[in-house]
């Protein structure tokens, strides 16, 4: 009786082990390659072996999957922290690439709020020509690319397709591990009108599964994959690491600032505050430093977004790479303020030849305001019809109370067609075009397309407004 019982136990153990062994492998429809189960974002399916040295494209190969993770964490701010907080989703969904000997796989997705990061991989075997007797022509010379991503709800409604500039799988933007090339796509959040032009109020918390497919450009041909079910999750509260408040109010001779809350998040942080400049129109940004009593300083550029409250703004910024510890303070250094006074300068067009690409370094002072020299550093001409002007704003003294800066005048969160243009360019013949100025702090850039440049002997450039930095130099102690 005991022998039979022991024998039965061994049979059960062997059967159990066989079940576990079978369960550890899955077969694809198009390949006999086995799939190894995994609990992290490492691909489950073994990719077909390919001789990487035969590829004319010199992709960088790594030895461990930890190096793949390092590759992603170097490119996505605070991805490591997001993983620790359980904010990423690992679909590990794959699909065959039509007419190719390989598959594409979505390994991990992080919806950080303002950006959706999609971490994917493609079998190298899919990037070869399927049938070729000529070994030299079997491997692609031109880098394949991801042309678009298509997302639609599981019930067939709410179809959205995001077209972006073709994203080549260049060696500098990818890494290879075990016969796969790993890449990254970064998309704007899924909003009612999908695209880069959105406000933070458009970003909602949701947890939805969408069919996700890609259009790939391989060997001069566009190939669309089948959809893969991918769960997109965004929970704003889980992305918040620390919340601070303060009762202090700064009131200077011109500016009053009253911060009400400071939120430090995994992917983005913000300061909510009331800002007033007596009789002046404030700009779009403020320079500040987040400080801890442990001696850590985190300089941040606060971009001011209007809210429904009068003179109340939410200023979003990229958070530190680590959670803050100890006592924390917010030092406001300066606020950008607009001035309706214009300034102009001229450019001699005789130094450029028609239909040529030329760059001329000038370093000429073309104006002065707020104890700051306006210097035309360089002029770039392209084909006689496009021109870029590089301006430098050089203050007379370090730490002066006010200084001219090269910050953009057009609203950042507006569409180009809706954006007011603050630069006018006039030729000596009276031909006119408009442009805008972009920049930050000591640098300003003006770019415009103007066919009349070909016949111009001189152009006059007028910037219709100024932006200057008004010094604040005040520190708020924050309470958690």
Protein backbone atom coordinates (compact mmCIF):
# COMPACT_ATOMS: atom_id res chain seq x y z
CA UNK A 1 0.00 0.00 0.00
CA UNK A 2 2.82 2.40 0.83
CA UNK A 3 4.71 1.54 -2.38
CA UNK A 4 1.60 2.28 -4.46
CA UNK A 5 1.07 5.55 -2.64
CA UNK A 6 4.68 6.64 -3.20
CA UNK A 7 4.45 5.64 -6.86
CA UNK A 8 1.27 7.70 -7.25
CA UNK A 9 2.97 10.66 -5.64
CA UNK A 10 5.88 10.43 -8.04
CA UNK A 11 3.51 10.19 -11.02
CA UNK A 12 1.70 13.31 -9.81
CA UNK A 13 5.01 15.15 -9.37
CA UNK A 14 6.23 14.16 -12.85
CA UNK A 15 2.90 15.18 -14.43
CA UNK A 16 3.03 18.48 -12.57
CA UNK A 17 6.54 19.16 -13.79
CA UNK A 18 5.49 18.33 -17.36
CA UNK A 19 2.57 20.75 -17.08
CA UNK A 20 4.90 23.46 -15.79
CA UNK A 21 7.37 22.75 -18.56
CA UNK A 22 4.68 22.92 -21.22
CA UNK A 23 3.28 26.06 -19.65
CA UNK A 24 6.68 27.72 -19.89
CA UNK A 25 6.56 27.60 -23.70
CA UNK A 26 4.10 28.97 -26.21
CA UNK A 27 4.19 28.68 -29.99
CA UNK A 28 3.50 31.45 -32.49
CA UNK A 29 1.41 30.88 -35.61
CA UNK A 30 4.22 31.71 -38.01
CA UNK A 31 7.24 30.26 -36.26
CA UNK A 32 8.33 27.24 -34.29
CA UNK A 33 10.39 29.39 -31.96
CA UNK A 34 9.50 28.83 -28.30
CA UNK A 35 8.44 31.59 -25.93
CA UNK A 36 9.92 31.82 -22.44
CA UNK A 37 7.64 33.23 -19.73
CA UNK A 38 8.81 36.37 -17.98
CA UNK A 39 7.41 38.67 -15.31
CA UNK A 40 9.23 41.85 -16.35
CA UNK A 41 9.35 43.75 -19.64
CA UNK A 42 11.86 41.38 -21.18
CA UNK A 43 10.36 39.93 -24.38
CA UNK A 44 8.90 36.46 -23.91
CA UNK A 45 9.42 35.20 -27.45
CA UNK A 46 12.85 34.21 -28.72
CA UNK A 47 13.69 36.11 -31.90
CA UNK A 48 15.11 34.37 -34.92
CA UNK A 49 18.89 34.49 -34.96
CA UNK A 50 20.48 37.01 -37.33
CA UNK A 51 24.14 37.83 -37.93
CA UNK A 52 24.29 41.46 -36.81
CA UNK A 53 27.70 41.93 -38.41
CA UNK A 54 26.11 41.44 -41.83
CA UNK A 55 23.94 44.54 -41.40
CA UNK A 56 25.42 47.65 -43.02
CA UNK A 57 23.69 49.63 -40.23
CA UNK A 58 26.00 49.66 -37.23
CA UNK A 59 23.52 49.26 -34.40
CA UNK A 60 24.94 49.19 -30.89
CA UNK A 61 24.60 45.75 -29.30
CA UNK A 62 24.41 45.22 -25.54
CA UNK A 63 25.04 42.08 -23.52
CA UNK A 64 22.26 42.17 -20.91
CA UNK A 65 18.65 43.25 -20.66
CA UNK A 66 19.65 45.51 -17.78
CA UNK A 67 21.60 47.52 -20.35
CA UNK A 68 18.42 47.82 -22.43
CA UNK A 69 16.66 49.25 -19.38
CA UNK A 70 19.58 51.64 -18.83
CA UNK A 71 19.25 52.75 -22.46
CA UNK A 72 15.59 53.68 -21.90
CA UNK A 73 16.13 55.29 -18.50
CA UNK A 74 18.81 57.56 -19.98
CA UNK A 75 16.27 58.85 -22.51
CA UNK A 76 13.08 59.06 -20.45
CA UNK A 77 13.27 61.34 -17.43
CA UNK A 78 12.31 59.53 -14.21
CA UNK A 79 11.35 56.29 -15.97
CA UNK A 80 13.19 54.38 -13.25
CA UNK A 81 11.09 56.12 -10.59
CA UNK A 82 7.89 55.49 -12.55
CA UNK A 83 8.71 51.78 -12.67
CA UNK A 84 9.32 51.69 -8.92
CA UNK A 85 5.96 53.39 -8.35
CA UNK A 86 4.16 50.90 -10.61
CA UNK A 87 3.07 53.57 -13.09
CA UNK A 88 4.05 51.74 -16.27
CA UNK A 89 2.12 49.00 -18.07
CA UNK A 90 3.84 46.05 -19.71
CA UNK A 91 1.56 44.66 -22.42
CA UNK A 92 4.20 42.38 -24.01
CA UNK A 93 1.91 42.20 -27.04
CA UNK A 94 3.41 41.29 -30.40
CA UNK A 95 2.17 41.13 -33.97
CA UNK A 96 3.62 39.75 -37.22
CA UNK A 97 5.02 42.32 -39.63
CA UNK A 98 3.23 41.55 -42.94
CA UNK A 99 5.45 39.99 -45.62
CA UNK A 100 8.40 39.98 -43.26
CA UNK A 101 10.06 37.19 -41.30
CA UNK A 102 9.60 38.67 -37.85
CA UNK A 103 7.38 40.51 -35.41
CA UNK A 104 7.02 43.82 -33.62
CA UNK A 105 6.36 43.94 -29.90
CA UNK A 106 5.16 46.60 -27.47
CA UNK A 107 7.10 45.92 -24.28
CA UNK A 108 6.12 48.79 -21.98
CA UNK A 109 3.94 51.91 -21.93
CA UNK A 110 4.11 54.86 -19.56
CA UNK A 111 1.48 57.57 -19.76
CA UNK A 112 3.22 60.27 -17.74
CA UNK A 113 0.49 62.86 -18.22
CA UNK A 114 1.95 65.14 -20.86
CA UNK A 115 3.64 62.32 -22.78
CA UNK A 116 2.92 58.69 -23.66
CA UNK A 117 6.16 56.71 -23.85
CA UNK A 118 5.87 53.54 -25.94
CA UNK A 119 8.83 51.14 -25.62
CA UNK A 120 8.90 48.66 -28.48
CA UNK A 121 11.16 46.15 -30.20
CA UNK A 122 11.41 44.73 -33.72
CA UNK A 123 12.95 41.42 -34.72
CA UNK A 124 16.07 41.99 -36.79
CA UNK A 125 14.92 39.16 -39.05
CA UNK A 126 12.03 41.41 -40.14
CA UNK A 127 14.54 43.93 -41.41
CA UNK A 128 16.01 41.63 -44.02
CA UNK A 129 14.64 40.77 -47.43
CA UNK A 130 12.80 37.49 -47.19
CA UNK A 131 14.05 35.89 -50.38
CA UNK A 132 17.42 36.86 -51.80
CA UNK A 133 20.25 34.80 -53.18
CA UNK A 134 22.52 37.83 -53.05
CA UNK A 135 23.80 38.15 -49.48
CA UNK A 136 24.82 41.77 -50.06
CA UNK A 137 21.28 42.79 -51.05
CA UNK A 138 19.64 40.76 -48.27
CA UNK A 139 20.38 43.33 -45.58
CA UNK A 140 18.90 46.82 -45.55
CA UNK A 141 21.23 49.76 -46.11
CA UNK A 142 18.74 52.49 -45.23
CA UNK A 143 17.48 52.57 -41.65
CA UNK A 144 13.83 51.52 -41.28
CA UNK A 145 11.50 53.98 -39.56
CA UNK A 146 8.24 54.29 -37.66
CA UNK A 147 5.95 56.58 -39.65
CA UNK A 148 2.83 56.65 -37.50
CA UNK A 149 0.97 55.06 -34.64
CA UNK A 150 -2.76 54.33 -34.79
CA UNK A 151 -4.94 53.98 -31.69
CA UNK A 152 -8.61 53.03 -31.69
CA UNK A 153 -11.01 51.88 -29.00
CA UNK A 154 -11.93 48.20 -28.74
CA UNK A 155 -15.54 48.88 -29.80
CA UNK A 156 -14.46 50.56 -33.03
CA UNK A 157 -15.19 54.15 -31.98
CA UNK A 158 -12.84 57.01 -31.12
CA UNK A 159 -10.28 56.15 -33.80
CA UNK A 160 -7.20 58.33 -33.59
CA UNK A 161 -4.08 58.31 -35.68
CA UNK A 162 -1.02 60.31 -34.77
CA UNK A 163 1.19 61.16 -37.71
CA UNK A 164 4.63 62.42 -36.82
CA UNK A 165 7.89 62.96 -38.60
CA UNK A 166 9.27 59.64 -39.74
CA UNK A 167 11.40 58.32 -36.90
CA UNK A 168 14.35 56.32 -38.28
CA UNK A 169 15.78 53.51 -36.21
CA UNK A 170 19.21 55.10 -36.23
CA UNK A 171 22.02 53.54 -34.19
CA UNK A 172 22.11 56.55 -31.84
CA UNK A 173 18.38 56.17 -31.03
CA UNK A 174 18.23 52.38 -30.63
CA UNK A 175 20.00 49.44 -29.07
CA UNK A 176 20.19 45.76 -30.06
CA UNK A 177 19.84 42.80 -27.72
CA UNK A 178 19.35 39.14 -28.62
CA UNK A 179 18.35 39.70 -32.25
CA UNK A 180 15.98 42.60 -31.56
CA UNK A 181 16.34 46.32 -32.09
CA UNK A 182 14.78 48.37 -29.27
CA UNK A 183 13.29 51.82 -29.84
CA UNK A 184 11.06 54.43 -28.26
CA UNK A 185 8.12 56.52 -29.46
CA UNK A 186 6.95 59.55 -27.48
CA UNK A 187 3.42 60.81 -28.12
CA UNK A 188 1.20 63.56 -26.76
CA UNK A 189 -1.53 62.43 -24.34
CA UNK A 190 -4.79 61.06 -25.72
CA UNK A 191 -7.14 64.02 -25.59
CA UNK A 192 -10.33 64.98 -27.41
CA UNK A 193 -8.25 66.64 -30.13
CA UNK A 194 -5.09 64.59 -30.24
CA UNK A 195 -1.91 66.53 -30.92
CA UNK A 196 0.85 68.60 -29.38
CA UNK A 197 -1.38 71.65 -28.85
CA UNK A 198 -3.06 70.91 -25.51
CA UNK A 199 -3.52 72.35 -22.03
CA UNK A 200 -2.95 70.42 -18.82
CA UNK A 201 -6.70 70.68 -18.21
CA UNK A 202 -7.25 68.54 -21.34
CA UNK A 203 -5.44 65.59 -19.74
CA UNK A 204 -7.91 63.33 -17.97
CA UNK A 205 -7.41 60.34 -15.73
CA UNK A 206 -8.47 57.16 -17.47
CA UNK A 207 -7.86 53.46 -17.77
CA UNK A 208 -8.74 52.19 -21.23
CA UNK A 209 -7.60 49.44 -23.57
CA UNK A 210 -7.04 50.46 -27.19
CA UNK A 211 -5.99 48.55 -30.29
CA UNK A 212 -2.60 49.95 -31.26
CA UNK A 213 -0.94 49.49 -34.63
CA UNK A 214 2.05 51.00 -36.40
CA UNK A 215 2.98 52.04 -39.92
CA UNK A 216 6.59 51.11 -40.59
CA UNK A 217 8.82 52.13 -43.46
CA UNK A 218 10.99 49.17 -44.41
CA UNK A 219 12.98 48.88 -47.63
CA UNK A 220 11.23 51.90 -49.23
CA UNK A 221 7.80 50.42 -48.53
CA UNK A 222 5.18 51.34 -45.94
CA UNK A 223 3.89 48.36 -43.96
CA UNK A 224 1.03 48.55 -41.48
CA UNK A 225 0.88 46.07 -38.62
CA UNK A 226 -2.25 44.59 -37.12
CA UNK A 227 -3.56 46.15 -33.94
CA UNK A 228 -2.38 45.00 -30.52
CA UNK A 229 -4.49 45.47 -27.38
CA UNK A 230 -2.68 47.94 -25.13
CA UNK A 231 -3.88 49.34 -21.81
CA UNK A 232 -3.35 53.09 -21.41
CA UNK A 233 -3.50 54.22 -17.79
CA UNK A 234 -3.14 57.68 -16.32
CA UNK A 235 -3.76 58.41 -12.63
CA UNK A 236 -2.70 61.98 -11.74
CA UNK A 237 -2.77 61.35 -7.98
CA UNK A 238 -0.37 58.43 -8.21
CA UNK A 239 2.06 60.61 -10.14
CA UNK A 240 2.30 63.11 -7.26
CA UNK A 241 5.23 62.52 -4.91
CA UNK A 242 5.00 65.48 -2.53
CA UNK A 243 2.63 68.38 -1.89
CA UNK A 244 3.72 71.68 -0.32
CA UNK A 245 2.02 74.93 0.67
CA UNK A 246 3.12 78.33 1.94
CA UNK A 247 1.42 81.31 3.58
CA UNK A 248 4.03 83.84 2.46
CA UNK A 249 3.44 86.66 -0.02
CA UNK A 250 6.17 88.53 -1.88
CA UNK A 251 5.41 92.17 -2.63
CA UNK A 252 8.02 94.30 -4.36
CA UNK A 253 7.99 97.72 -5.99
CA UNK A 254 6.38 96.29 -9.15
CA UNK A 255 5.53 92.60 -8.69
CA UNK A 256 3.40 90.68 -6.18
CA UNK A 257 3.64 86.87 -6.01
CA UNK A 258 1.54 84.61 -3.78
CA UNK A 259 2.26 80.85 -4.17
CA UNK A 260 -0.60 78.67 -2.88
CA UNK A 261 0.68 75.16 -3.63
CA UNK A 262 3.68 73.31 -4.98
CA UNK A 263 3.30 69.75 -6.28
CA UNK A 264 6.37 67.62 -7.01
CA UNK A 265 5.53 64.76 -9.37
CA UNK A 266 7.20 61.85 -11.11
CA UNK A 267 6.93 63.29 -14.63
CA UNK A 268 5.90 66.90 -14.12
CA UNK A 269 5.55 69.34 -11.26
CA UNK A 270 3.82 72.66 -10.86
CA UNK A 271 3.51 75.77 -8.74
CA UNK A 272 0.11 77.40 -8.44
CA UNK A 273 0.38 81.09 -7.65
CA UNK A 274 -1.14 84.51 -8.03
CA UNK A 275 1.11 86.92 -9.95
CA UNK A 276 0.53 90.61 -10.56
CA UNK A 277 2.76 93.27 -12.12
CA UNK A 278 1.39 96.76 -11.54
CA UNK A 279 0.37 98.28 -14.87
CA UNK A 280 2.40 95.71 -16.82
CA UNK A 281 1.67 92.59 -18.88
CA UNK A 282 3.63 89.64 -17.55
CA UNK A 283 5.44 87.24 -19.84
CA UNK A 284 5.18 83.48 -19.99
CA UNK A 285 7.97 82.36 -17.69
CA UNK A 286 9.68 82.80 -14.36
CA UNK A 287 13.09 81.56 -13.23
CA UNK A 288 13.25 79.76 -9.90
CA UNK A 289 15.24 77.27 -7.82
CA UNK A 290 13.88 74.42 -5.66
CA UNK A 291 16.19 74.07 -2.64
CA UNK A 292 16.55 71.58 0.22
CA UNK A 293 18.29 72.07 3.55
CA UNK A 294 20.61 69.23 2.54
CA UNK A 295 22.21 71.53 0.01
CA UNK A 296 20.50 70.33 -3.19
CA UNK A 297 19.50 73.00 -5.72
CA UNK A 298 17.20 72.33 -8.69
CA UNK A 299 16.97 75.28 -11.13
CA UNK A 300 13.60 75.31 -12.92
CA UNK A 301 11.95 77.40 -15.62
CA UNK A 302 8.33 78.01 -14.66
CA UNK A 303 6.06 78.41 -17.71
CA UNK A 304 2.96 80.30 -16.68
CA UNK A 305 -0.43 78.96 -17.77
CA UNK A 306 -3.57 80.99 -17.10
CA UNK A 307 -6.33 79.45 -15.00
CA UNK A 308 -9.94 80.50 -14.44
CA UNK A 309 -8.89 82.58 -11.44
CA UNK A 310 -7.94 86.21 -11.98
CA UNK A 311 -4.13 86.55 -12.22
CA UNK A 312 -3.79 82.94 -11.02
CA UNK A 313 -1.35 80.73 -12.91
CA UNK A 314 -0.16 77.16 -12.91
CA UNK A 315 3.53 77.00 -13.73
CA UNK A 316 4.65 73.53 -14.87
CA UNK A 317 8.24 72.32 -14.79
CA UNK A 318 10.28 69.12 -15.05
CA UNK A 319 10.73 67.61 -11.58
CA UNK A 320 13.99 66.58 -9.90
CA UNK A 321 15.21 63.05 -10.52
CA UNK A 322 14.75 62.09 -6.87
CA UNK A 323 12.15 62.65 -4.20
CA UNK A 324 12.93 65.71 -2.09
CA UNK A 325 13.87 65.21 1.54
CA UNK A 326 14.19 67.54 4.50
CA UNK A 327 13.06 71.16 4.53
CA UNK A 328 12.25 72.53 1.08
CA UNK A 329 12.13 76.13 -0.17
CA UNK A 330 11.24 77.90 -3.42
CA UNK A 331 13.48 80.75 -4.54
CA UNK A 332 11.98 83.00 -7.21
CA UNK A 333 14.76 84.69 -9.14
CA UNK A 334 13.08 86.69 -11.91
CA UNK A 335 9.82 87.23 -13.80
CA UNK A 336 9.50 88.02 -17.50
CA UNK A 337 7.54 91.19 -18.26
CA UNK A 338 6.46 92.56 -21.64
CA UNK A 339 7.22 96.03 -22.95
CA UNK A 340 5.42 97.39 -26.06
CA UNK A 341 8.51 99.35 -27.16
CA UNK A 342 9.82 98.01 -30.52
CA UNK A 343 13.43 97.86 -31.73
CA UNK A 344 14.82 97.59 -35.27
CA UNK A 345 18.03 96.80 -37.10
CA UNK A 346 19.17 96.35 -40.70
CA UNK A 347 20.97 93.54 -42.52
CA UNK A 348 23.10 94.18 -45.61
CA UNK A 349 22.04 91.61 -48.21
CA UNK A 350 24.96 92.25 -50.53
CA UNK A 351 27.07 89.83 -48.50
CA UNK A 352 24.93 86.90 -49.70
CA UNK A 353 24.94 85.32 -53.14
CA UNK A 354 21.65 84.33 -54.77
CA UNK A 355 20.53 80.70 -54.45
CA UNK A 356 23.31 79.77 -52.04
CA UNK A 357 23.51 78.57 -48.44
CA UNK A 358 25.74 80.86 -46.46
CA UNK A 359 26.44 81.73 -42.83
CA UNK A 360 27.96 85.07 -41.87
CA UNK A 361 29.21 85.73 -38.34
CA UNK A 362 28.73 89.40 -37.51
CA UNK A 363 28.73 89.98 -33.73
CA UNK A 364 27.43 93.51 -34.32
CA UNK A 365 25.64 95.58 -31.72
CA UNK A 366 22.31 96.59 -33.25
CA UNK A 367 20.50 98.05 -30.25
CA UNK A 368 20.32 98.56 -26.49
CA UNK A 369 17.55 98.45 -23.88
CA UNK A 370 17.30 97.79 -20.14
CA UNK A 371 21.10 98.09 -19.81
CA UNK A 372 21.43 95.19 -22.25
CA UNK A 373 23.24 95.18 -25.60
CA UNK A 374 21.35 93.59 -28.50
CA UNK A 375 23.93 91.82 -30.65
CA UNK A 376 23.32 90.30 -34.09
CA UNK A 377 25.63 87.29 -33.82
CA UNK A 378 25.00 85.40 -37.04
CA UNK A 379 22.90 85.44 -40.20
CA UNK A 380 22.16 82.22 -42.10
CA UNK A 381 20.78 82.35 -45.63
CA UNK A 382 19.28 79.30 -47.35
CA UNK A 383 18.75 79.21 -51.13
CA UNK A 384 18.17 82.94 -51.17
CA UNK A 385 14.61 82.63 -49.83
CA UNK A 386 15.00 81.54 -46.18
CA UNK A 387 16.87 83.37 -43.46
CA UNK A 388 17.69 82.84 -39.79
CA UNK A 389 18.93 85.59 -37.48
CA UNK A 390 20.66 84.80 -34.20
CA UNK A 391 20.49 87.49 -31.53
CA UNK A 392 22.38 87.69 -28.25
CA UNK A 393 21.27 89.79 -25.26
CA UNK A 394 24.28 90.86 -23.23
CA UNK A 395 23.55 92.66 -19.90
CA UNK A 396 26.01 95.33 -18.79
CA UNK A 397 26.31 93.98 -15.24
CA UNK A 398 25.85 90.63 -13.52
CA UNK A 399 22.75 90.54 -11.32
CA UNK A 400 21.26 93.83 -12.51
CA UNK A 401 17.64 94.51 -11.55
CA UNK A 402 16.25 94.35 -15.09
CA UNK A 403 17.69 93.00 -18.33
CA UNK A 404 16.41 92.29 -21.84
CA UNK A 405 15.91 88.61 -22.67
CA UNK A 406 15.23 86.59 -25.80
CA UNK A 407 12.11 84.79 -24.63
CA UNK A 408 9.40 84.07 -27.19
CA UNK A 409 6.57 86.55 -27.54
CA UNK A 410 4.04 84.21 -29.20
CA UNK A 411 1.95 81.96 -26.96
CA UNK A 412 3.60 78.54 -26.64
CA UNK A 413 0.33 76.60 -26.27
CA UNK A 414 -1.27 77.97 -29.43
CA UNK A 415 -1.39 76.75 -33.01
CA UNK A 416 0.96 78.45 -35.50
CA UNK A 417 -1.98 79.80 -37.51
CA UNK A 418 -3.49 81.34 -34.36
CA UNK A 419 -0.23 82.79 -33.05
CA UNK A 420 0.27 86.53 -33.35
CA UNK A 421 3.48 87.48 -35.13
CA UNK A 422 5.68 90.10 -33.49
CA UNK A 423 8.44 90.53 -36.09
CA UNK A 424 8.20 92.46 -39.36
CA UNK A 425 10.78 92.24 -42.16
CA UNK A 426 10.83 94.94 -44.88
CA UNK A 427 13.13 95.04 -47.93
CA UNK A 428 14.55 98.22 -49.46
CA UNK A 429 11.92 97.77 -52.20
CA UNK A 430 9.09 97.87 -49.64
CA UNK A 431 8.26 94.14 -49.73
CA UNK A 432 7.05 92.94 -46.32
CA UNK A 433 6.72 89.64 -44.44
CA UNK A 434 6.08 88.66 -40.84
CA UNK A 435 7.81 86.27 -38.45
CA UNK A 436 8.18 85.51 -34.77
CA UNK A 437 11.02 85.48 -32.30
CA UNK A 438 11.86 82.45 -30.20
CA UNK A 439 14.49 81.98 -27.59
CA UNK A 440 15.40 81.85 -23.94
CA UNK A 441 17.32 84.13 -21.63
CA UNK A 442 20.33 85.50 -23.56
CA UNK A 443 19.44 84.00 -26.96
CA UNK A 444 16.82 84.95 -29.54
CA UNK A 445 16.14 83.41 -32.96
CA UNK A 446 14.15 84.80 -35.87
CA UNK A 447 13.42 82.63 -38.90
CA UNK A 448 11.38 83.51 -41.98
CA UNK A 449 10.78 82.50 -45.59
CA UNK A 450 10.70 85.43 -47.99
CA UNK A 451 11.17 85.07 -51.80
CA UNK A 452 11.71 88.84 -52.07
CA UNK A 453 15.07 88.35 -50.31
CA UNK A 454 16.61 87.37 -53.66
CA UNK A 455 16.31 90.89 -55.05
CA UNK A 456 16.82 92.80 -51.79
CA UNK A 457 19.92 94.91 -51.14
CA UNK A 458 18.97 95.51 -47.50
CA UNK A 459 16.30 94.40 -45.06
CA UNK A 460 14.99 96.10 -41.94
CA UNK A 461 13.91 93.82 -39.10
CA UNK A 462 11.55 95.20 -36.45
CA UNK A 463 10.71 93.34 -33.23
CA UNK A 464 7.45 94.94 -32.09
CA UNK A 465 7.75 94.09 -28.40
CA UNK A 466 10.44 93.55 -25.81
CA UNK A 467 10.63 90.97 -23.06
CA UNK A 468 12.71 91.76 -20.00
CA UNK A 469 13.51 89.88 -16.80
CA UNK A 470 12.59 91.68 -13.57
CA UNK A 471 14.63 90.52 -10.58
CA UNK A 472 12.67 89.08 -7.61
CA UNK A 473 15.29 87.31 -5.47
CA UNK A 474 12.85 86.05 -2.82
CA UNK A 475 12.70 82.66 -1.06
CA UNK A 476 9.50 80.99 0.19
CA UNK A 477 9.73 78.35 2.91
CA UNK A 478 7.44 75.42 1.98
CA UNK A 479 5.31 73.35 4.35
CA UNK A 480 4.43 69.74 3.65
